[in-house]
N, C-alpha and C. Protein backbone atom coordinates (compact mmCIF):
# COMPACT_ATOMS: atom_id res chain seq x y z
N MET A 1 5.86 -26.87 -7.80
CA MET A 1 6.68 -25.89 -7.11
C MET A 1 7.02 -24.73 -8.03
N GLU A 2 7.20 -25.02 -9.31
CA GLU A 2 7.54 -23.96 -10.26
C GLU A 2 6.45 -22.89 -10.30
N TYR A 3 5.19 -23.31 -10.28
CA TYR A 3 4.09 -22.35 -10.31
C TYR A 3 4.02 -21.53 -9.02
N LEU A 4 4.38 -22.16 -7.91
CA LEU A 4 4.43 -21.44 -6.64
C LEU A 4 5.47 -20.34 -6.71
N LEU A 5 6.64 -20.63 -7.25
CA LEU A 5 7.71 -19.65 -7.36
C LEU A 5 7.31 -18.51 -8.31
N ILE A 6 6.63 -18.84 -9.39
CA ILE A 6 6.13 -17.80 -10.29
C ILE A 6 5.12 -16.92 -9.56
N GLY A 7 4.24 -17.55 -8.79
CA GLY A 7 3.26 -16.80 -8.01
C GLY A 7 3.92 -15.86 -7.02
N ILE A 8 4.97 -16.33 -6.36
CA ILE A 8 5.71 -15.49 -5.41
C ILE A 8 6.30 -14.27 -6.12
N LYS A 9 6.87 -14.49 -7.28
CA LYS A 9 7.47 -13.38 -8.05
C LYS A 9 6.41 -12.36 -8.43
N ILE A 10 5.26 -12.83 -8.85
CA ILE A 10 4.17 -11.91 -9.24
C ILE A 10 3.65 -11.16 -8.01
N ILE A 11 3.47 -11.86 -6.91
CA ILE A 11 2.99 -11.22 -5.68
C ILE A 11 3.96 -10.14 -5.22
N LEU A 12 5.25 -10.44 -5.24
CA LEU A 12 6.24 -9.44 -4.83
C LEU A 12 6.22 -8.24 -5.78
N PHE A 13 6.15 -8.49 -7.06
CA PHE A 13 6.12 -7.39 -8.03
C PHE A 13 4.89 -6.50 -7.81
N VAL A 14 3.72 -7.11 -7.77
CA VAL A 14 2.48 -6.33 -7.62
C VAL A 14 2.46 -5.58 -6.30
N SER A 15 2.91 -6.21 -5.24
CA SER A 15 2.91 -5.57 -3.92
C SER A 15 3.85 -4.36 -3.88
N ILE A 16 5.04 -4.52 -4.41
CA ILE A 16 6.01 -3.42 -4.39
C ILE A 16 5.51 -2.26 -5.26
N VAL A 17 4.99 -2.55 -6.43
CA VAL A 17 4.45 -1.50 -7.29
C VAL A 17 3.29 -0.79 -6.59
N ASN A 18 2.44 -1.55 -5.94
CA ASN A 18 1.30 -0.98 -5.22
C ASN A 18 1.78 0.00 -4.14
N VAL A 19 2.74 -0.44 -3.33
CA VAL A 19 3.23 0.39 -2.23
C VAL A 19 3.93 1.64 -2.73
N TRP A 20 4.77 1.49 -3.73
CA TRP A 20 5.62 2.61 -4.14
C TRP A 20 4.98 3.53 -5.18
N PHE A 21 3.94 3.10 -5.85
CA PHE A 21 3.28 3.97 -6.83
C PHE A 21 1.87 4.38 -6.44
N PHE A 22 1.11 3.47 -5.86
CA PHE A 22 -0.30 3.77 -5.58
C PHE A 22 -0.57 4.13 -4.13
N ARG A 23 0.29 3.71 -3.22
CA ARG A 23 0.07 4.00 -1.79
C ARG A 23 1.18 4.87 -1.20
N PHE A 24 2.00 5.45 -2.03
CA PHE A 24 3.15 6.23 -1.59
C PHE A 24 2.73 7.37 -0.65
N ASN A 25 1.68 8.08 -1.00
CA ASN A 25 1.21 9.22 -0.22
C ASN A 25 -0.04 8.89 0.60
N LYS A 26 -0.25 7.63 0.88
CA LYS A 26 -1.44 7.23 1.64
C LYS A 26 -1.05 6.56 2.95
N SER A 27 -1.92 6.73 3.92
CA SER A 27 -1.74 6.08 5.20
C SER A 27 -2.13 4.61 5.09
N THR A 28 -1.37 3.74 5.73
CA THR A 28 -1.72 2.32 5.82
C THR A 28 -1.43 1.87 7.25
N SER A 29 -1.97 0.76 7.62
CA SER A 29 -1.73 0.23 8.97
C SER A 29 -0.34 -0.36 9.12
N TRP A 30 0.42 -0.42 8.03
CA TRP A 30 1.76 -1.03 8.07
C TRP A 30 2.87 0.00 8.21
N ARG A 31 2.57 1.28 8.07
CA ARG A 31 3.62 2.31 8.09
C ARG A 31 4.26 2.44 9.46
N GLY A 32 5.57 2.66 9.45
CA GLY A 32 6.32 2.81 10.68
C GLY A 32 5.84 3.99 11.50
N GLU A 33 5.65 3.75 12.78
CA GLU A 33 5.17 4.75 13.74
C GLU A 33 3.88 5.41 13.30
N GLY A 34 3.07 4.71 12.51
CA GLY A 34 1.77 5.24 12.10
C GLY A 34 1.86 6.41 11.13
N ALA A 35 2.93 6.47 10.36
CA ALA A 35 3.11 7.57 9.40
C ALA A 35 1.97 7.59 8.38
N SER A 36 1.72 8.78 7.84
CA SER A 36 0.63 8.92 6.87
C SER A 36 1.10 8.88 5.42
N SER A 37 2.41 8.79 5.20
CA SER A 37 2.96 8.70 3.84
C SER A 37 4.33 8.04 3.92
N MET A 38 4.84 7.68 2.76
CA MET A 38 6.16 7.05 2.71
C MET A 38 7.24 8.03 3.19
N LYS A 39 7.14 9.29 2.79
CA LYS A 39 8.14 10.28 3.22
C LYS A 39 8.12 10.46 4.73
N GLU A 40 6.93 10.51 5.31
CA GLU A 40 6.81 10.65 6.75
C GLU A 40 7.37 9.41 7.46
N GLU A 41 7.13 8.24 6.88
CA GLU A 41 7.65 7.01 7.46
C GLU A 41 9.17 7.04 7.50
N PHE A 42 9.80 7.44 6.41
CA PHE A 42 11.26 7.51 6.36
C PHE A 42 11.79 8.54 7.36
N ALA A 43 11.07 9.66 7.50
CA ALA A 43 11.46 10.68 8.49
C ALA A 43 11.37 10.10 9.90
N ASN A 44 10.34 9.31 10.16
CA ASN A 44 10.20 8.67 11.48
C ASN A 44 11.36 7.72 11.77
N TYR A 45 11.92 7.14 10.73
CA TYR A 45 13.06 6.25 10.90
C TYR A 45 14.38 7.01 11.05
N GLY A 46 14.32 8.33 10.86
CA GLY A 46 15.53 9.15 10.94
C GLY A 46 16.33 9.14 9.66
N LEU A 47 15.68 8.79 8.54
CA LEU A 47 16.36 8.74 7.24
C LEU A 47 16.10 10.03 6.47
N THR A 48 17.05 10.40 5.64
CA THR A 48 16.93 11.65 4.88
C THR A 48 15.85 11.54 3.81
N GLY A 49 15.31 12.70 3.42
CA GLY A 49 14.21 12.75 2.46
C GLY A 49 14.52 12.12 1.11
N GLY A 50 15.73 12.34 0.60
CA GLY A 50 16.08 11.80 -0.71
C GLY A 50 16.24 10.29 -0.73
N LEU A 51 16.51 9.72 0.43
CA LEU A 51 16.73 8.28 0.51
C LEU A 51 15.47 7.50 0.17
N VAL A 52 14.31 8.09 0.41
CA VAL A 52 13.05 7.41 0.10
C VAL A 52 12.99 7.05 -1.39
N TYR A 53 13.49 7.94 -2.23
CA TYR A 53 13.45 7.69 -3.68
C TYR A 53 14.48 6.66 -4.10
N VAL A 54 15.63 6.66 -3.44
CA VAL A 54 16.67 5.66 -3.73
C VAL A 54 16.17 4.27 -3.35
N VAL A 55 15.62 4.16 -2.15
CA VAL A 55 15.10 2.87 -1.69
C VAL A 55 13.95 2.41 -2.59
N GLY A 56 13.07 3.33 -2.93
CA GLY A 56 11.95 2.98 -3.81
C GLY A 56 12.42 2.48 -5.16
N ALA A 57 13.39 3.17 -5.74
CA ALA A 57 13.91 2.76 -7.04
C ALA A 57 14.55 1.38 -6.97
N ILE A 58 15.31 1.13 -5.90
CA ILE A 58 15.96 -0.18 -5.75
C ILE A 58 14.91 -1.28 -5.62
N LYS A 59 13.88 -1.04 -4.79
CA LYS A 59 12.84 -2.06 -4.60
C LYS A 59 12.05 -2.30 -5.88
N VAL A 60 11.72 -1.24 -6.60
CA VAL A 60 10.96 -1.41 -7.85
C VAL A 60 11.81 -2.12 -8.89
N LEU A 61 13.08 -1.79 -8.97
CA LEU A 61 13.97 -2.49 -9.92
C LEU A 61 14.11 -3.97 -9.55
N ALA A 62 14.26 -4.26 -8.26
CA ALA A 62 14.38 -5.66 -7.84
C ALA A 62 13.08 -6.41 -8.14
N ALA A 63 11.94 -5.77 -7.88
CA ALA A 63 10.65 -6.40 -8.16
C ALA A 63 10.46 -6.63 -9.66
N THR A 64 10.90 -5.68 -10.46
CA THR A 64 10.82 -5.82 -11.91
C THR A 64 11.73 -6.96 -12.37
N GLY A 65 12.91 -7.06 -11.77
CA GLY A 65 13.81 -8.17 -12.07
C GLY A 65 13.18 -9.51 -11.73
N LEU A 66 12.44 -9.56 -10.62
CA LEU A 66 11.76 -10.81 -10.26
C LEU A 66 10.68 -11.16 -11.27
N LEU A 67 9.94 -10.17 -11.71
CA LEU A 67 8.92 -10.43 -12.73
C LEU A 67 9.57 -10.93 -14.02
N LEU A 68 10.62 -10.26 -14.45
CA LEU A 68 11.31 -10.66 -15.67
C LEU A 68 11.98 -12.03 -15.54
N SER A 69 12.30 -12.40 -14.30
CA SER A 69 12.96 -13.69 -14.09
C SER A 69 12.04 -14.88 -14.39
N ILE A 70 10.76 -14.61 -14.53
CA ILE A 70 9.85 -15.68 -14.96
C ILE A 70 10.28 -16.18 -16.34
N TRP A 71 10.74 -15.26 -17.18
CA TRP A 71 11.18 -15.60 -18.55
C TRP A 71 12.70 -15.68 -18.66
N TYR A 72 13.41 -14.99 -17.76
CA TYR A 72 14.87 -14.98 -17.75
C TYR A 72 15.35 -15.40 -16.35
N PRO A 73 15.39 -16.71 -16.11
CA PRO A 73 15.67 -17.24 -14.76
C PRO A 73 16.97 -16.74 -14.13
N ALA A 74 17.94 -16.35 -14.93
CA ALA A 74 19.21 -15.87 -14.37
C ALA A 74 19.02 -14.60 -13.53
N LEU A 75 17.91 -13.92 -13.70
CA LEU A 75 17.64 -12.71 -12.92
C LEU A 75 17.11 -13.01 -11.52
N THR A 76 16.72 -14.26 -11.27
CA THR A 76 16.11 -14.59 -9.99
C THR A 76 17.04 -14.34 -8.81
N LEU A 77 18.23 -14.90 -8.84
CA LEU A 77 19.14 -14.79 -7.70
C LEU A 77 19.51 -13.34 -7.39
N PRO A 78 19.98 -12.54 -8.36
CA PRO A 78 20.33 -11.16 -7.99
C PRO A 78 19.11 -10.34 -7.55
N SER A 79 17.98 -10.51 -8.21
CA SER A 79 16.80 -9.73 -7.86
C SER A 79 16.26 -10.11 -6.48
N ALA A 80 16.19 -11.40 -6.21
CA ALA A 80 15.70 -11.86 -4.91
C ALA A 80 16.66 -11.48 -3.78
N THR A 81 17.95 -11.49 -4.07
CA THR A 81 18.94 -11.11 -3.06
C THR A 81 18.80 -9.64 -2.71
N VAL A 82 18.67 -8.79 -3.71
CA VAL A 82 18.48 -7.36 -3.45
C VAL A 82 17.18 -7.15 -2.67
N MET A 83 16.12 -7.84 -3.07
CA MET A 83 14.84 -7.70 -2.38
C MET A 83 14.98 -8.14 -0.93
N ALA A 84 15.65 -9.25 -0.68
CA ALA A 84 15.84 -9.74 0.69
C ALA A 84 16.60 -8.73 1.54
N VAL A 85 17.64 -8.15 0.99
CA VAL A 85 18.42 -7.15 1.73
C VAL A 85 17.55 -5.94 2.06
N MET A 86 16.78 -5.50 1.08
CA MET A 86 15.90 -4.34 1.31
C MET A 86 14.83 -4.64 2.35
N MET A 87 14.29 -5.84 2.32
CA MET A 87 13.26 -6.21 3.29
C MET A 87 13.85 -6.40 4.68
N ALA A 88 15.06 -6.91 4.76
CA ALA A 88 15.73 -7.01 6.06
C ALA A 88 15.94 -5.60 6.63
N GLY A 89 16.29 -4.67 5.76
CA GLY A 89 16.42 -3.27 6.19
C GLY A 89 15.10 -2.69 6.67
N ALA A 90 14.02 -3.03 5.99
CA ALA A 90 12.70 -2.54 6.38
C ALA A 90 12.32 -3.09 7.76
N VAL A 91 12.56 -4.37 7.98
CA VAL A 91 12.28 -4.97 9.29
C VAL A 91 13.12 -4.28 10.36
N ALA A 92 14.38 -4.03 10.05
CA ALA A 92 15.28 -3.37 11.00
C ALA A 92 14.77 -1.97 11.35
N MET A 93 14.24 -1.26 10.38
CA MET A 93 13.71 0.08 10.65
C MET A 93 12.49 0.01 11.57
N HIS A 94 11.62 -0.97 11.35
CA HIS A 94 10.46 -1.13 12.24
C HIS A 94 10.93 -1.44 13.66
N LEU A 95 11.95 -2.28 13.78
CA LEU A 95 12.48 -2.60 15.10
C LEU A 95 13.12 -1.37 15.74
N LYS A 96 13.80 -0.56 14.94
CA LYS A 96 14.47 0.65 15.43
C LYS A 96 13.49 1.59 16.13
N VAL A 97 12.31 1.76 15.54
CA VAL A 97 11.33 2.67 16.13
C VAL A 97 10.36 1.94 17.07
N GLN A 98 10.66 0.68 17.34
CA GLN A 98 9.88 -0.15 18.27
C GLN A 98 8.41 -0.25 17.88
N ASP A 99 8.18 -0.41 16.58
CA ASP A 99 6.82 -0.66 16.10
C ASP A 99 6.34 -1.99 16.64
N PRO A 100 5.03 -2.15 16.77
CA PRO A 100 4.50 -3.49 17.07
C PRO A 100 4.89 -4.44 15.94
N ILE A 101 5.13 -5.69 16.27
CA ILE A 101 5.59 -6.67 15.28
C ILE A 101 4.64 -6.75 14.09
N ARG A 102 3.35 -6.48 14.31
CA ARG A 102 2.35 -6.52 13.25
C ARG A 102 2.71 -5.59 12.10
N ARG A 103 3.28 -4.44 12.41
CA ARG A 103 3.65 -3.48 11.34
C ARG A 103 4.80 -3.99 10.48
N SER A 104 5.58 -4.89 11.01
CA SER A 104 6.70 -5.47 10.26
C SER A 104 6.28 -6.64 9.39
N PHE A 105 5.05 -7.09 9.55
CA PHE A 105 4.62 -8.33 8.88
C PHE A 105 4.85 -8.33 7.37
N PRO A 106 4.42 -7.30 6.61
CA PRO A 106 4.65 -7.37 5.15
C PRO A 106 6.13 -7.49 4.79
N ALA A 107 6.97 -6.69 5.43
CA ALA A 107 8.41 -6.76 5.13
C ALA A 107 8.98 -8.11 5.51
N LEU A 108 8.56 -8.64 6.65
CA LEU A 108 9.04 -9.95 7.08
C LEU A 108 8.57 -11.04 6.12
N LEU A 109 7.32 -10.97 5.71
CA LEU A 109 6.79 -11.94 4.74
C LEU A 109 7.56 -11.87 3.42
N PHE A 110 7.80 -10.65 2.93
CA PHE A 110 8.52 -10.49 1.67
C PHE A 110 9.97 -10.95 1.80
N LEU A 111 10.55 -10.79 2.99
CA LEU A 111 11.90 -11.31 3.24
C LEU A 111 11.91 -12.83 3.15
N VAL A 112 10.93 -13.48 3.76
CA VAL A 112 10.84 -14.94 3.71
C VAL A 112 10.61 -15.42 2.28
N LEU A 113 9.71 -14.75 1.55
CA LEU A 113 9.44 -15.14 0.16
C LEU A 113 10.69 -14.96 -0.70
N SER A 114 11.42 -13.87 -0.49
CA SER A 114 12.67 -13.65 -1.23
C SER A 114 13.68 -14.74 -0.89
N GLY A 115 13.72 -15.12 0.37
CA GLY A 115 14.62 -16.21 0.79
C GLY A 115 14.28 -17.52 0.11
N LEU A 116 13.00 -17.78 -0.05
CA LEU A 116 12.56 -18.99 -0.76
C LEU A 116 13.03 -18.95 -2.22
N LEU A 117 12.93 -17.79 -2.84
CA LEU A 117 13.40 -17.66 -4.23
C LEU A 117 14.91 -17.84 -4.31
N ILE A 118 15.63 -17.30 -3.34
CA ILE A 118 17.09 -17.46 -3.30
C ILE A 118 17.45 -18.94 -3.15
N ALA A 119 16.79 -19.60 -2.22
CA ALA A 119 17.07 -21.03 -1.99
C ALA A 119 16.79 -21.85 -3.25
N SER A 120 15.74 -21.51 -3.95
CA SER A 120 15.42 -22.20 -5.19
C SER A 120 16.48 -21.93 -6.25
N ALA A 121 16.87 -20.68 -6.40
CA ALA A 121 17.87 -20.31 -7.40
C ALA A 121 19.22 -20.97 -7.14
N LEU A 122 19.52 -21.21 -5.87
CA LEU A 122 20.78 -21.86 -5.50
C LEU A 122 20.68 -23.39 -5.53
N GLY A 123 19.49 -23.88 -5.85
CA GLY A 123 19.30 -25.32 -5.92
C GLY A 123 19.16 -25.98 -4.56
N LEU A 124 18.86 -25.21 -3.54
CA LEU A 124 18.73 -25.77 -2.19
C LEU A 124 17.36 -26.39 -1.95
N ILE A 125 16.39 -26.02 -2.80
CA ILE A 125 15.08 -26.67 -2.77
C ILE A 125 14.73 -27.07 -4.20
N ALA A 126 14.03 -28.16 -4.31
CA ALA A 126 13.67 -28.70 -5.64
C ALA A 126 12.57 -27.86 -6.25
N VAL A 127 12.73 -27.57 -7.55
CA VAL A 127 11.73 -26.77 -8.28
C VAL A 127 10.77 -27.69 -9.01
N GLY A 128 11.27 -28.68 -9.67
CA GLY A 128 10.44 -29.53 -10.54
C GLY A 128 9.80 -30.59 -9.80
């Protein structure tokens, strides 16, 4: 189970970095209302332009905390909690614009994975 949790942390880190650094200005099939960039997606949600950078910074910091938590386990709970809140917000935004459920899949998956990390950090599931 420990290796699974490490894998989840790495997947979340790599995915968030990919979205916010390498795919920021690119169209993907997951963008809300079919937006062609992250800024356009946030505009489709009715969010202000500057908020995209705040949300991005929070997600990247949380993902970095998850990666570092491999070596510093105390970072798992706060980082996974922030990630879960951000992913719940992402799912809510997809619902707000009535996207097909398929577009919410990555955020929903990352929310579930973050929840698994939270449950583990709280001792609700066995690690060893």
